[in-house]
Amino acid sequence: MVNPVVLTAALMVVAGVAVAGTGGDTFDSVWVTLTDWMQGTLGRILIGLMILTGIGAGVLRQSLMPFVTGVGGGVGLYAAPDVIESIMTATVPVMNGLNSALQHLPVAL
């Protein structure tokens, strides 16, 4: 029978080796391709089709909301790569010491 403490320690040592998503550029070409598709000619075609579909649905339903949904979806499709890039590469400024961090609190100390 294996001692649970030894088994836990062994798993903790092995877990340090099994780290995923810490860098590498394996999928960079896929991201560049998807970004080019969304913001290139294919993306503009899809956006145009979304708007035309919204216009058609709006005429059938006698409402502007399908058109607005088509325009919103098109804008979202075109802006998605930039939004994802800004979220994934966001940095938080480092504050120098606790005193500096306390100065930004909205309460009086």
N, C-alpha and C. Protein backbone atom coordinates (compact mmCIF):
# COMPACT_ATOMS: atom_id res chain seq x y z
N MET A 1 0.85 -1.17 0.00
CA MET A 1 0.00 0.00 0.00
C MET A 1 0.89 1.23 0.00
N VAL A 2 0.51 2.24 -0.82
CA VAL A 2 1.30 3.46 -0.94
C VAL A 2 0.84 4.47 0.10
N ASN A 3 1.80 5.06 0.74
CA ASN A 3 1.51 6.07 1.74
C ASN A 3 0.89 7.30 1.04
N PRO A 4 -0.26 7.81 1.54
CA PRO A 4 -0.91 8.96 0.89
C PRO A 4 -0.04 10.22 0.86
N VAL A 5 0.79 10.40 1.88
CA VAL A 5 1.65 11.58 1.92
C VAL A 5 2.71 11.49 0.81
N VAL A 6 3.28 10.30 0.62
CA VAL A 6 4.29 10.10 -0.43
C VAL A 6 3.64 10.27 -1.80
N LEU A 7 2.44 9.73 -1.97
CA LEU A 7 1.73 9.86 -3.23
C LEU A 7 1.41 11.32 -3.54
N THR A 8 0.97 12.07 -2.55
CA THR A 8 0.67 13.49 -2.74
C THR A 8 1.93 14.26 -3.11
N ALA A 9 3.03 13.98 -2.43
CA ALA A 9 4.29 14.66 -2.72
C ALA A 9 4.76 14.33 -4.14
N ALA A 10 4.62 13.09 -4.55
CA ALA A 10 5.02 12.69 -5.90
C ALA A 10 4.16 13.39 -6.96
N LEU A 11 2.86 13.48 -6.70
CA LEU A 11 1.98 14.16 -7.65
C LEU A 11 2.29 15.65 -7.73
N MET A 12 2.68 16.26 -6.61
CA MET A 12 3.02 17.67 -6.62
C MET A 12 4.29 17.92 -7.42
N VAL A 13 5.24 17.01 -7.36
CA VAL A 13 6.48 17.16 -8.13
C VAL A 13 6.19 17.01 -9.61
N VAL A 14 5.36 16.04 -9.97
CA VAL A 14 5.03 15.81 -11.38
C VAL A 14 4.17 16.92 -11.93
N ALA A 15 3.32 17.52 -11.11
CA ALA A 15 2.42 18.57 -11.57
C ALA A 15 3.18 19.80 -12.04
N GLY A 16 4.35 20.04 -11.49
CA GLY A 16 5.14 21.18 -11.93
C GLY A 16 5.61 21.04 -13.36
N VAL A 17 5.72 19.82 -13.84
CA VAL A 17 6.17 19.57 -15.20
C VAL A 17 5.02 19.74 -16.19
N ALA A 18 3.81 19.42 -15.77
CA ALA A 18 2.64 19.44 -16.66
C ALA A 18 1.96 20.80 -16.63
N VAL A 19 2.62 21.80 -17.19
CA VAL A 19 2.07 23.15 -17.22
C VAL A 19 1.74 23.47 -18.68
N ALA A 20 0.52 23.87 -18.92
CA ALA A 20 0.11 24.20 -20.29
C ALA A 20 -0.20 25.68 -20.40
N GLY A 21 -0.05 26.22 -21.59
CA GLY A 21 -0.44 27.59 -21.86
C GLY A 21 0.52 28.63 -21.33
N THR A 22 1.79 28.29 -21.17
CA THR A 22 2.74 29.26 -20.64
C THR A 22 3.57 29.90 -21.73
N GLY A 23 3.11 29.88 -22.92
CA GLY A 23 3.86 30.53 -23.99
C GLY A 23 3.92 29.66 -25.22
N GLY A 24 4.82 29.98 -26.06
CA GLY A 24 4.95 29.25 -27.30
C GLY A 24 4.15 29.91 -28.40
N ASP A 25 4.51 29.61 -29.60
CA ASP A 25 3.84 30.22 -30.73
C ASP A 25 3.26 29.19 -31.68
N THR A 26 2.82 28.07 -31.10
CA THR A 26 2.29 27.00 -31.92
C THR A 26 1.05 27.41 -32.69
N PHE A 27 0.16 28.16 -32.06
CA PHE A 27 -1.10 28.52 -32.68
C PHE A 27 -1.13 29.96 -33.19
N ASP A 28 0.00 30.62 -33.22
CA ASP A 28 0.03 32.00 -33.71
C ASP A 28 -0.45 32.11 -35.15
N SER A 29 -0.06 31.15 -35.98
CA SER A 29 -0.49 31.22 -37.38
C SER A 29 -2.00 31.05 -37.51
N VAL A 30 -2.60 30.23 -36.64
CA VAL A 30 -4.05 30.07 -36.66
C VAL A 30 -4.73 31.37 -36.27
N TRP A 31 -4.22 32.03 -35.24
CA TRP A 31 -4.82 33.31 -34.80
C TRP A 31 -4.69 34.37 -35.88
N VAL A 32 -3.54 34.45 -36.52
CA VAL A 32 -3.34 35.43 -37.58
C VAL A 32 -4.29 35.15 -38.74
N THR A 33 -4.47 33.88 -39.08
CA THR A 33 -5.39 33.52 -40.16
C THR A 33 -6.82 33.91 -39.82
N LEU A 34 -7.26 33.60 -38.60
CA LEU A 34 -8.63 33.96 -38.20
C LEU A 34 -8.83 35.47 -38.17
N THR A 35 -7.83 36.20 -37.69
CA THR A 35 -7.92 37.65 -37.66
C THR A 35 -7.99 38.21 -39.08
N ASP A 36 -7.17 37.67 -39.97
CA ASP A 36 -7.21 38.12 -41.36
C ASP A 36 -8.56 37.83 -42.00
N TRP A 37 -9.14 36.69 -41.69
CA TRP A 37 -10.45 36.36 -42.23
C TRP A 37 -11.53 37.31 -41.71
N MET A 38 -11.50 37.59 -40.38
CA MET A 38 -12.55 38.42 -39.79
C MET A 38 -12.43 39.87 -40.21
N GLN A 39 -11.22 40.38 -40.38
CA GLN A 39 -11.05 41.79 -40.70
C GLN A 39 -10.69 42.01 -42.17
N GLY A 40 -10.63 40.95 -42.93
CA GLY A 40 -10.30 41.07 -44.35
C GLY A 40 -11.55 41.00 -45.21
N THR A 41 -11.35 40.54 -46.42
CA THR A 41 -12.44 40.47 -47.39
C THR A 41 -13.53 39.50 -46.96
N LEU A 42 -13.14 38.34 -46.44
CA LEU A 42 -14.14 37.37 -45.98
C LEU A 42 -15.00 37.95 -44.87
N GLY A 43 -14.38 38.65 -43.94
CA GLY A 43 -15.14 39.28 -42.85
C GLY A 43 -16.11 40.33 -43.37
N ARG A 44 -15.68 41.10 -44.35
CA ARG A 44 -16.57 42.13 -44.92
C ARG A 44 -17.75 41.49 -45.65
N ILE A 45 -17.48 40.37 -46.32
CA ILE A 45 -18.58 39.65 -46.99
C ILE A 45 -19.57 39.13 -45.96
N LEU A 46 -19.06 38.53 -44.89
CA LEU A 46 -19.95 38.02 -43.84
C LEU A 46 -20.74 39.14 -43.18
N ILE A 47 -20.08 40.28 -42.93
CA ILE A 47 -20.78 41.42 -42.34
C ILE A 47 -21.88 41.91 -43.26
N GLY A 48 -21.58 42.00 -44.55
CA GLY A 48 -22.59 42.40 -45.52
C GLY A 48 -23.76 41.43 -45.56
N LEU A 49 -23.47 40.14 -45.48
CA LEU A 49 -24.54 39.15 -45.46
C LEU A 49 -25.38 39.25 -44.19
N MET A 50 -24.72 39.54 -43.07
CA MET A 50 -25.48 39.71 -41.82
C MET A 50 -26.43 40.89 -41.92
N ILE A 51 -25.94 41.98 -42.49
CA ILE A 51 -26.78 43.18 -42.62
C ILE A 51 -27.92 42.92 -43.61
N LEU A 52 -27.61 42.28 -44.74
CA LEU A 52 -28.67 41.98 -45.72
C LEU A 52 -29.72 41.03 -45.15
N THR A 53 -29.27 40.05 -44.37
CA THR A 53 -30.22 39.14 -43.73
C THR A 53 -31.08 39.90 -42.73
N GLY A 54 -30.46 40.82 -41.99
CA GLY A 54 -31.22 41.65 -41.06
C GLY A 54 -32.25 42.52 -41.76
N ILE A 55 -31.86 43.08 -42.91
CA ILE A 55 -32.81 43.90 -43.68
C ILE A 55 -33.98 43.04 -44.14
N GLY A 56 -33.67 41.84 -44.67
CA GLY A 56 -34.73 40.94 -45.13
C GLY A 56 -35.67 40.53 -44.01
N ALA A 57 -35.09 40.18 -42.88
CA ALA A 57 -35.93 39.79 -41.73
C ALA A 57 -36.72 40.99 -41.22
N GLY A 58 -36.13 42.17 -41.29
CA GLY A 58 -36.84 43.37 -40.86
C GLY A 58 -38.02 43.69 -41.75
N VAL A 59 -37.86 43.47 -43.06
CA VAL A 59 -38.98 43.70 -43.99
C VAL A 59 -40.09 42.70 -43.72
N LEU A 60 -39.71 41.44 -43.49
CA LEU A 60 -40.73 40.42 -43.23
C LEU A 60 -41.48 40.67 -41.92
N ARG A 61 -40.76 41.10 -40.91
CA ARG A 61 -41.39 41.33 -39.60
C ARG A 61 -41.87 42.76 -39.42
N GLN A 62 -41.58 43.61 -40.38
CA GLN A 62 -41.93 45.02 -40.33
C GLN A 62 -41.38 45.68 -39.05
N SER A 63 -40.08 45.45 -38.83
CA SER A 63 -39.42 45.97 -37.66
C SER A 63 -37.96 46.27 -38.02
N LEU A 64 -37.37 47.22 -37.34
CA LEU A 64 -35.96 47.54 -37.56
C LEU A 64 -35.01 46.71 -36.70
N MET A 65 -35.53 46.00 -35.73
CA MET A 65 -34.66 45.28 -34.79
C MET A 65 -33.80 44.20 -35.47
N PRO A 66 -34.30 43.42 -36.42
CA PRO A 66 -33.39 42.46 -37.09
C PRO A 66 -32.24 43.16 -37.82
N PHE A 67 -32.52 44.32 -38.42
CA PHE A 67 -31.46 45.09 -39.07
C PHE A 67 -30.42 45.54 -38.06
N VAL A 68 -30.87 46.04 -36.91
CA VAL A 68 -29.96 46.49 -35.86
C VAL A 68 -29.13 45.31 -35.35
N THR A 69 -29.76 44.15 -35.22
CA THR A 69 -29.03 42.95 -34.78
C THR A 69 -27.96 42.56 -35.81
N GLY A 70 -28.30 42.66 -37.09
CA GLY A 70 -27.32 42.36 -38.13
C GLY A 70 -26.15 43.31 -38.11
N VAL A 71 -26.42 44.59 -37.94
CA VAL A 71 -25.34 45.58 -37.87
C VAL A 71 -24.49 45.35 -36.63
N GLY A 72 -25.14 45.09 -35.49
CA GLY A 72 -24.40 44.83 -34.25
C GLY A 72 -23.53 43.59 -34.35
N GLY A 73 -24.07 42.54 -34.96
CA GLY A 73 -23.27 41.32 -35.15
C GLY A 73 -22.09 41.57 -36.07
N GLY A 74 -22.29 42.36 -37.11
CA GLY A 74 -21.20 42.68 -38.02
C GLY A 74 -20.11 43.49 -37.35
N VAL A 75 -20.50 44.48 -36.59
CA VAL A 75 -19.52 45.29 -35.86
C VAL A 75 -18.77 44.42 -34.85
N GLY A 76 -19.51 43.54 -34.17
CA GLY A 76 -18.87 42.64 -33.21
C GLY A 76 -17.89 41.69 -33.87
N LEU A 77 -18.25 41.18 -35.05
CA LEU A 77 -17.36 40.28 -35.79
C LEU A 77 -16.08 40.99 -36.19
N TYR A 78 -16.20 42.21 -36.67
CA TYR A 78 -15.02 42.95 -37.11
C TYR A 78 -14.13 43.37 -35.93
N ALA A 79 -14.73 43.73 -34.80
CA ALA A 79 -13.97 44.24 -33.66
C ALA A 79 -13.46 43.14 -32.74
N ALA A 80 -13.96 41.91 -32.89
CA ALA A 80 -13.60 40.82 -31.96
C ALA A 80 -12.10 40.58 -31.84
N PRO A 81 -11.32 40.51 -32.92
CA PRO A 81 -9.89 40.26 -32.75
C PRO A 81 -9.18 41.34 -31.93
N ASP A 82 -9.54 42.60 -32.16
CA ASP A 82 -8.90 43.68 -31.39
C ASP A 82 -9.29 43.62 -29.93
N VAL A 83 -10.55 43.29 -29.64
CA VAL A 83 -11.00 43.18 -28.25
C VAL A 83 -10.28 42.03 -27.56
N ILE A 84 -10.19 40.90 -28.23
CA ILE A 84 -9.52 39.73 -27.64
C ILE A 84 -8.05 40.03 -27.40
N GLU A 85 -7.39 40.67 -28.35
CA GLU A 85 -5.98 41.03 -28.17
C GLU A 85 -5.79 41.97 -26.99
N SER A 86 -6.67 42.95 -26.85
CA SER A 86 -6.51 43.91 -25.74
C SER A 86 -6.78 43.26 -24.40
N ILE A 87 -7.69 42.29 -24.35
CA ILE A 87 -7.96 41.59 -23.09
C ILE A 87 -6.81 40.67 -22.73
N MET A 88 -6.30 39.93 -23.69
CA MET A 88 -5.29 38.93 -23.40
C MET A 88 -3.91 39.54 -23.15
N THR A 89 -3.67 40.74 -23.62
CA THR A 89 -2.37 41.37 -23.40
C THR A 89 -2.44 42.50 -22.39
N ALA A 90 -3.53 42.58 -21.65
CA ALA A 90 -3.68 43.66 -20.67
C ALA A 90 -2.69 43.49 -19.53
N THR A 91 -2.19 44.59 -19.06
CA THR A 91 -1.26 44.56 -17.92
C THR A 91 -1.82 45.45 -16.82
N VAL A 92 -1.48 45.11 -15.61
CA VAL A 92 -1.90 45.88 -14.45
C VAL A 92 -0.66 46.59 -13.93
N PRO A 93 -0.72 47.91 -13.77
CA PRO A 93 0.45 48.62 -13.28
C PRO A 93 0.80 48.21 -11.85
N VAL A 94 2.08 48.07 -11.59
CA VAL A 94 2.55 47.68 -10.27
C VAL A 94 2.69 48.91 -9.41
N MET A 95 2.12 48.86 -8.22
CA MET A 95 2.21 49.98 -7.30
C MET A 95 3.41 49.76 -6.38
N ASN A 96 4.09 50.83 -6.07
CA ASN A 96 5.26 50.75 -5.21
C ASN A 96 4.85 50.85 -3.75
N GLY A 97 4.67 49.74 -3.14
CA GLY A 97 4.39 49.70 -1.71
C GLY A 97 2.92 49.84 -1.36
N LEU A 98 2.61 49.51 -0.14
CA LEU A 98 1.25 49.56 0.36
C LEU A 98 0.74 50.99 0.47
N ASN A 99 1.61 51.93 0.82
CA ASN A 99 1.20 53.31 0.97
C ASN A 99 0.67 53.87 -0.35
N SER A 100 1.35 53.55 -1.45
CA SER A 100 0.89 54.01 -2.75
C SER A 100 -0.45 53.39 -3.10
N ALA A 101 -0.65 52.13 -2.74
CA ALA A 101 -1.93 51.47 -3.02
C ALA A 101 -3.04 52.07 -2.18
N LEU A 102 -2.75 52.45 -0.95
CA LEU A 102 -3.77 53.03 -0.09
C LEU A 102 -4.18 54.43 -0.54
N GLN A 103 -3.29 55.13 -1.23
CA GLN A 103 -3.61 56.47 -1.70
C GLN A 103 -4.70 56.47 -2.76
N HIS A 104 -4.87 55.35 -3.46
CA HIS A 104 -5.86 55.26 -4.52
C HIS A 104 -7.23 54.82 -4.04
N LEU A 105 -7.35 54.53 -2.74
CA LEU A 105 -8.65 54.13 -2.20
C LEU A 105 -9.54 55.36 -2.05
N PRO A 106 -10.82 55.20 -2.33
CA PRO A 106 -11.73 56.36 -2.25
C PRO A 106 -12.18 56.73 -0.84
N VAL A 107 -11.60 56.13 0.18
CA VAL A 107 -11.99 56.44 1.55
C VAL A 107 -10.86 57.18 2.25
N ALA A 108 -11.22 57.99 3.19
CA ALA A 108 -10.21 58.74 3.96
C ALA A 108 -9.68 57.85 5.08
N LEU A 109 -8.38 57.82 5.22
CA LEU A 109 -7.77 57.00 6.27
C LEU A 109 -7.32 57.84 7.43
